[in-house]
Amino acid sequence: MISVRNISFSYGKNDVLKDISFDVSQGECVGILGNNGAGKSTLVTCLNKIRTPKTGRVYIDSRDLMKMGRRETARQVSYVAQKNELSKITVFDAVLLGRKPYIKWTVSREDMEICGAMIERMGLSDFRLRYIDELSGGELQKVVLARALVQHPVLLLLDEPTSNLDPKNQHEMLTLVRGLAREQNICVLIVIHDLNLALRYCDKFLFVKDGRVFSYGGGEVMTPENIGSVYGMPVAVETVRGVPVVIPQLSEG
């Protein structure tokens, strides 16, 4: 289990996160929701130690993440950012970088097999020797996700992972993430703007407003009242063919 306790963060005198606390169980996907500037991306970078919180702790199976060394942290937490820098390496080598926390002297056969299996599962076998600066945005997003997953993390942090994907690939990627979360008991936190994707693929929902937890829970918190309060617009939540759908209720003209 992941326990986040009283995380606060400031840029100078500007308080961005204020006393954030929540728990994530093994195998759960949690959607982090809120308007631009609410602190969602800052939150995930505090959880992987890219940024140092002003206050608070993150516990992974009761172990304090803030007290772990860099190698152990990388074995526990993996992160896919909104933007990823391109470099002149192949897809296979880019994915292999995710095994770095486990490599001591040289790359093992196990490392190679783990990367090969993940590349195949991602549907990237035909690209394994292609340079990643030759890939489309969607293909690159799959590569960086594969790199994060071969770390075998306990906690996977995804910051807008579907932003460069077409609708078909959005659903394929989130189906894969949810499946792996359950198979490997990974806790997944996904910063996501598409409420309908969140409803379909996430188990719980963390609404962040003005740097604070506005609401946290399962489907019961995805109400028109909560969504309207957080996003500042009226919505309806209806079920279409067994799937809950958020429908904006904006006046036209």
Protein backbone atom coordinates (compact mmCIF):
# COMPACT_ATOMS: atom_id res chain seq x y z
CA MET A 1 0.00 0.00 0.00
CA ILE A 2 1.04 3.57 -0.71
CA SER A 3 0.30 6.10 2.03
CA VAL A 4 0.70 9.81 1.29
CA ARG A 5 0.63 11.90 4.43
CA ASN A 6 0.36 15.69 4.74
CA ILE A 7 2.33 16.62 1.62
CA SER A 8 2.79 20.38 1.22
CA PHE A 9 4.92 22.18 -1.35
CA SER A 10 5.65 25.82 -2.17
CA TYR A 11 7.37 27.77 -4.91
CA GLY A 12 8.82 30.53 -2.78
CA LYS A 13 5.87 32.08 -0.95
CA ASN A 14 3.34 30.49 -3.31
CA ASP A 15 1.74 27.47 -1.66
CA VAL A 16 1.00 24.92 -4.40
CA LEU A 17 0.13 21.82 -2.35
CA LYS A 18 -1.48 22.01 1.07
CA ASP A 19 -1.66 19.00 3.40
CA ILE A 20 -2.33 16.30 0.76
CA SER A 21 -3.12 12.86 2.23
CA PHE A 22 -4.53 9.67 0.66
CA ASP A 23 -3.89 5.92 0.37
CA VAL A 24 -3.61 3.66 -2.69
CA SER A 25 -3.96 -0.12 -2.46
CA GLN A 26 -2.03 -2.62 -4.56
CA GLY A 27 -3.44 -3.06 -8.04
CA GLU A 28 -5.42 0.18 -8.00
CA CYS A 29 -5.40 2.89 -10.65
CA VAL A 30 -6.11 6.34 -9.26
CA GLY A 31 -6.98 9.27 -11.52
CA ILE A 32 -5.65 12.65 -10.32
CA LEU A 33 -8.17 15.22 -11.52
CA GLY A 34 -8.44 18.99 -11.45
CA ASN A 35 -8.05 22.19 -13.43
CA ASN A 36 -4.78 23.40 -14.90
CA GLY A 37 -2.65 24.85 -12.12
CA ALA A 38 -4.33 22.84 -9.37
CA GLY A 39 -1.02 21.17 -8.44
CA LYS A 40 -1.49 17.73 -10.01
CA SER A 41 1.88 17.49 -11.77
CA THR A 42 3.65 19.03 -8.80
CA LEU A 43 2.11 16.34 -6.61
CA VAL A 44 3.47 13.43 -8.64
CA THR A 45 6.95 14.99 -8.76
CA CYS A 46 6.86 15.27 -4.96
CA LEU A 47 5.96 11.58 -4.77
CA ASN A 48 9.02 10.53 -6.77
CA LYS A 49 11.44 12.96 -5.09
CA ILE A 50 12.05 15.14 -8.14
CA ARG A 51 10.76 17.89 -5.86
CA THR A 52 11.18 17.89 -2.10
CA PRO A 53 7.97 18.55 -0.16
CA LYS A 54 8.00 21.26 2.48
CA THR A 55 6.19 18.86 4.81
CA GLY A 56 4.85 15.33 4.66
CA ARG A 57 5.89 11.74 4.01
CA VAL A 58 5.28 8.99 1.46
CA TYR A 59 5.21 5.42 2.72
CA ILE A 60 5.55 2.35 0.51
CA ASP A 61 4.48 -0.73 2.48
CA SER A 62 5.20 1.25 5.67
CA ARG A 63 8.72 2.21 4.48
CA ASP A 64 9.54 5.92 4.28
CA LEU A 65 10.33 6.79 0.66
CA MET A 66 12.11 9.97 1.70
CA LYS A 67 14.73 7.91 3.53
CA MET A 68 15.52 5.60 0.60
CA GLY A 69 18.62 5.98 -1.55
CA ARG A 70 18.44 6.74 -5.26
CA ARG A 71 18.76 3.12 -6.43
CA GLU A 72 16.13 1.84 -4.02
CA THR A 73 13.81 4.72 -4.89
CA ALA A 74 14.14 3.83 -8.59
CA ARG A 75 13.20 0.23 -7.79
CA GLN A 76 10.10 1.36 -5.95
CA VAL A 77 8.83 4.28 -8.08
CA SER A 78 8.79 4.89 -11.84
CA TYR A 79 7.60 8.02 -13.58
CA VAL A 80 6.43 8.99 -17.06
CA ALA A 81 6.54 12.76 -17.58
CA GLN A 82 4.36 14.89 -19.87
CA LYS A 83 7.29 15.60 -22.16
CA ASN A 84 10.24 13.34 -22.89
CA GLU A 85 13.52 14.36 -24.44
CA LEU A 86 14.58 12.67 -27.65
CA SER A 87 18.02 11.13 -28.07
CA LYS A 88 19.80 9.05 -30.69
CA ILE A 89 19.29 5.62 -29.16
CA THR A 90 17.21 2.67 -30.27
CA VAL A 91 13.86 1.71 -28.83
CA PHE A 92 15.39 -1.38 -27.21
CA ASP A 93 18.18 0.61 -25.55
CA ALA A 94 15.69 3.24 -24.36
CA VAL A 95 13.59 0.56 -22.68
CA LEU A 96 16.70 -1.12 -21.28
CA LEU A 97 17.46 2.11 -19.36
CA GLY A 98 14.56 1.19 -17.12
CA ARG A 99 16.59 -1.77 -15.83
CA LYS A 100 19.41 0.51 -14.64
CA PRO A 101 18.45 0.25 -10.92
CA TYR A 102 19.00 -3.53 -11.13
CA ILE A 103 22.20 -3.63 -13.22
CA LYS A 104 25.41 -4.05 -11.21
CA TRP A 105 28.28 -4.80 -13.57
CA THR A 106 26.70 -5.66 -16.88
CA VAL A 107 23.33 -6.27 -18.49
CA SER A 108 22.06 -9.76 -17.69
CA ARG A 109 20.09 -12.16 -19.85
CA GLU A 110 17.14 -11.56 -17.51
CA ASP A 111 17.31 -7.82 -18.18
CA MET A 112 17.28 -8.45 -21.93
CA GLU A 113 14.35 -10.86 -21.67
CA ILE A 114 12.31 -8.50 -19.50
CA CYS A 115 12.81 -5.66 -21.99
CA GLY A 116 12.06 -7.86 -24.99
CA ALA A 117 8.84 -9.12 -23.43
CA MET A 118 7.66 -5.60 -22.57
CA ILE A 119 8.46 -4.30 -26.05
CA GLU A 120 6.39 -7.11 -27.52
CA ARG A 121 3.52 -6.49 -25.12
CA MET A 122 3.52 -2.81 -26.08
CA GLY A 123 3.27 -3.72 -29.75
CA LEU A 124 6.69 -2.21 -30.46
CA SER A 125 8.50 -5.28 -31.80
CA ASP A 126 8.76 -3.82 -35.30
CA PHE A 127 10.40 -0.69 -33.85
CA ARG A 128 12.91 -2.24 -31.45
CA LEU A 129 15.95 -1.21 -33.53
CA ARG A 130 14.55 2.11 -34.71
CA TYR A 131 15.94 5.32 -33.21
CA ILE A 132 13.44 6.95 -30.88
CA ASP A 133 13.87 10.37 -32.48
CA GLU A 134 12.29 8.83 -35.57
CA LEU A 135 9.09 7.84 -33.77
CA SER A 136 5.72 9.56 -33.67
CA GLY A 137 4.58 11.13 -30.40
CA GLY A 138 2.30 8.18 -29.69
CA GLU A 139 5.01 5.61 -30.38
CA LEU A 140 7.44 7.49 -28.14
CA GLN A 141 4.86 7.55 -25.35
CA LYS A 142 4.65 3.77 -25.53
CA VAL A 143 8.44 3.50 -25.32
CA VAL A 144 8.72 5.64 -22.19
CA LEU A 145 5.88 3.70 -20.58
CA ALA A 146 7.67 0.43 -21.40
CA ARG A 147 10.85 1.85 -19.85
CA ALA A 148 8.94 2.72 -16.66
CA LEU A 149 7.29 -0.70 -16.44
CA VAL A 150 10.51 -2.74 -16.76
CA GLN A 151 11.62 -1.07 -13.52
CA HIS A 152 9.04 -3.35 -11.87
CA PRO A 153 7.89 -0.51 -9.63
CA VAL A 154 5.56 -0.66 -6.67
CA LEU A 155 4.29 2.83 -7.59
CA LEU A 156 3.85 4.00 -11.19
CA LEU A 157 3.30 7.73 -11.79
CA LEU A 158 1.89 8.83 -15.16
CA ASP A 159 1.57 12.52 -16.01
CA GLU A 160 -0.96 12.88 -18.86
CA PRO A 161 0.12 9.63 -20.58
CA THR A 162 -2.56 9.84 -23.29
CA SER A 163 -1.95 13.43 -24.38
CA ASN A 164 -0.15 12.47 -27.63
CA LEU A 165 -2.27 9.44 -28.48
CA ASP A 166 -5.19 9.03 -30.85
CA PRO A 167 -8.42 7.58 -29.36
CA LYS A 168 -7.60 3.97 -30.30
CA ASN A 169 -4.14 4.15 -28.72
CA GLN A 170 -5.50 5.96 -25.65
CA HIS A 171 -7.77 3.03 -24.89
CA GLU A 172 -5.10 0.44 -25.73
CA MET A 173 -2.55 2.10 -23.43
CA LEU A 174 -4.91 2.54 -20.49
CA THR A 175 -6.20 -1.02 -20.89
CA LEU A 176 -2.60 -2.23 -20.73
CA VAL A 177 -1.78 -0.06 -17.71
CA ARG A 178 -4.84 -1.23 -15.80
CA GLY A 179 -4.14 -4.87 -16.68
CA LEU A 180 -0.51 -4.68 -15.55
CA ALA A 181 -1.50 -2.88 -12.36
CA ARG A 182 -3.74 -5.78 -11.42
CA GLU A 183 -1.40 -8.53 -12.60
CA GLN A 184 1.68 -7.14 -10.88
CA ASN A 185 -0.03 -5.40 -7.93
CA ILE A 186 1.28 -1.98 -8.98
CA CYS A 187 -0.21 1.19 -7.50
CA VAL A 188 -0.80 3.60 -10.39
CA LEU A 189 -1.43 7.34 -10.18
CA ILE A 190 -2.52 8.96 -13.45
CA VAL A 191 -2.75 12.71 -14.00
CA ILE A 192 -5.48 12.87 -16.62
CA HIS A 193 -7.75 15.56 -18.06
CA ASP A 194 -10.22 13.33 -19.89
CA LEU A 195 -12.87 12.53 -17.29
CA ASN A 196 -14.44 9.84 -19.45
CA LEU A 197 -11.15 7.99 -19.81
CA ALA A 198 -10.68 8.30 -16.06
CA LEU A 199 -14.14 6.89 -15.40
CA ARG A 200 -13.51 3.91 -17.63
CA TYR A 201 -10.01 2.95 -16.50
CA CYS A 202 -9.49 4.23 -12.95
CA ASP A 203 -10.65 2.61 -9.72
CA LYS A 204 -10.48 5.75 -7.60
CA PHE A 205 -10.45 9.49 -8.20
CA LEU A 206 -8.48 12.20 -6.41
CA PHE A 207 -9.95 15.65 -7.05
CA VAL A 208 -7.43 18.43 -6.39
CA LYS A 209 -8.62 22.02 -6.09
CA ASP A 210 -6.51 25.00 -5.03
CA GLY A 211 -3.72 22.66 -3.93
CA ARG A 212 -5.91 20.61 -1.58
CA VAL A 213 -7.74 17.31 -1.74
CA PHE A 214 -11.30 18.27 -2.63
CA SER A 215 -12.63 14.71 -2.74
CA TYR A 216 -11.21 11.18 -2.89
CA GLY A 217 -12.89 7.85 -3.42
CA GLY A 218 -14.43 5.47 -5.94
CA GLY A 219 -17.21 6.05 -8.42
CA GLU A 220 -19.36 7.61 -5.73
CA VAL A 221 -17.26 10.82 -5.84
CA MET A 222 -17.68 11.28 -9.62
CA THR A 223 -20.82 13.32 -9.16
CA PRO A 224 -22.05 16.35 -11.11
CA GLU A 225 -21.69 18.38 -7.92
CA ASN A 226 -18.01 17.47 -7.36
CA ILE A 227 -17.07 17.81 -11.02
CA GLY A 228 -18.92 21.12 -11.29
CA SER A 229 -17.24 22.51 -8.19
CA VAL A 230 -13.74 21.48 -9.25
CA TYR A 231 -13.95 22.44 -12.94
CA GLY A 232 -16.33 25.36 -12.64
CA MET A 233 -18.86 24.12 -15.18
CA PRO A 234 -22.16 22.24 -14.98
CA VAL A 235 -22.11 18.59 -16.08
CA ALA A 236 -24.34 15.56 -16.12
CA VAL A 237 -23.10 12.04 -15.39
CA GLU A 238 -25.11 9.46 -17.29
CA THR A 239 -24.74 5.79 -18.15
CA VAL A 240 -24.49 4.87 -21.82
CA ARG A 241 -24.47 1.16 -22.67
CA GLY A 242 -23.34 0.38 -19.15
CA VAL A 243 -20.53 2.96 -19.14
CA PRO A 244 -20.71 6.18 -17.05
CA VAL A 245 -20.15 9.30 -19.17
CA VAL A 246 -19.56 12.93 -18.19
CA ILE A 247 -21.52 15.32 -20.40
CA PRO A 248 -20.81 19.10 -20.17
CA GLN A 249 -23.99 21.17 -19.85
CA LEU A 250 -22.74 24.39 -21.38
CA SER A 251 -25.11 26.85 -23.00
CA GLU A 252 -24.59 27.42 -26.70
CA GLY A 253 -24.49 30.71 -28.54
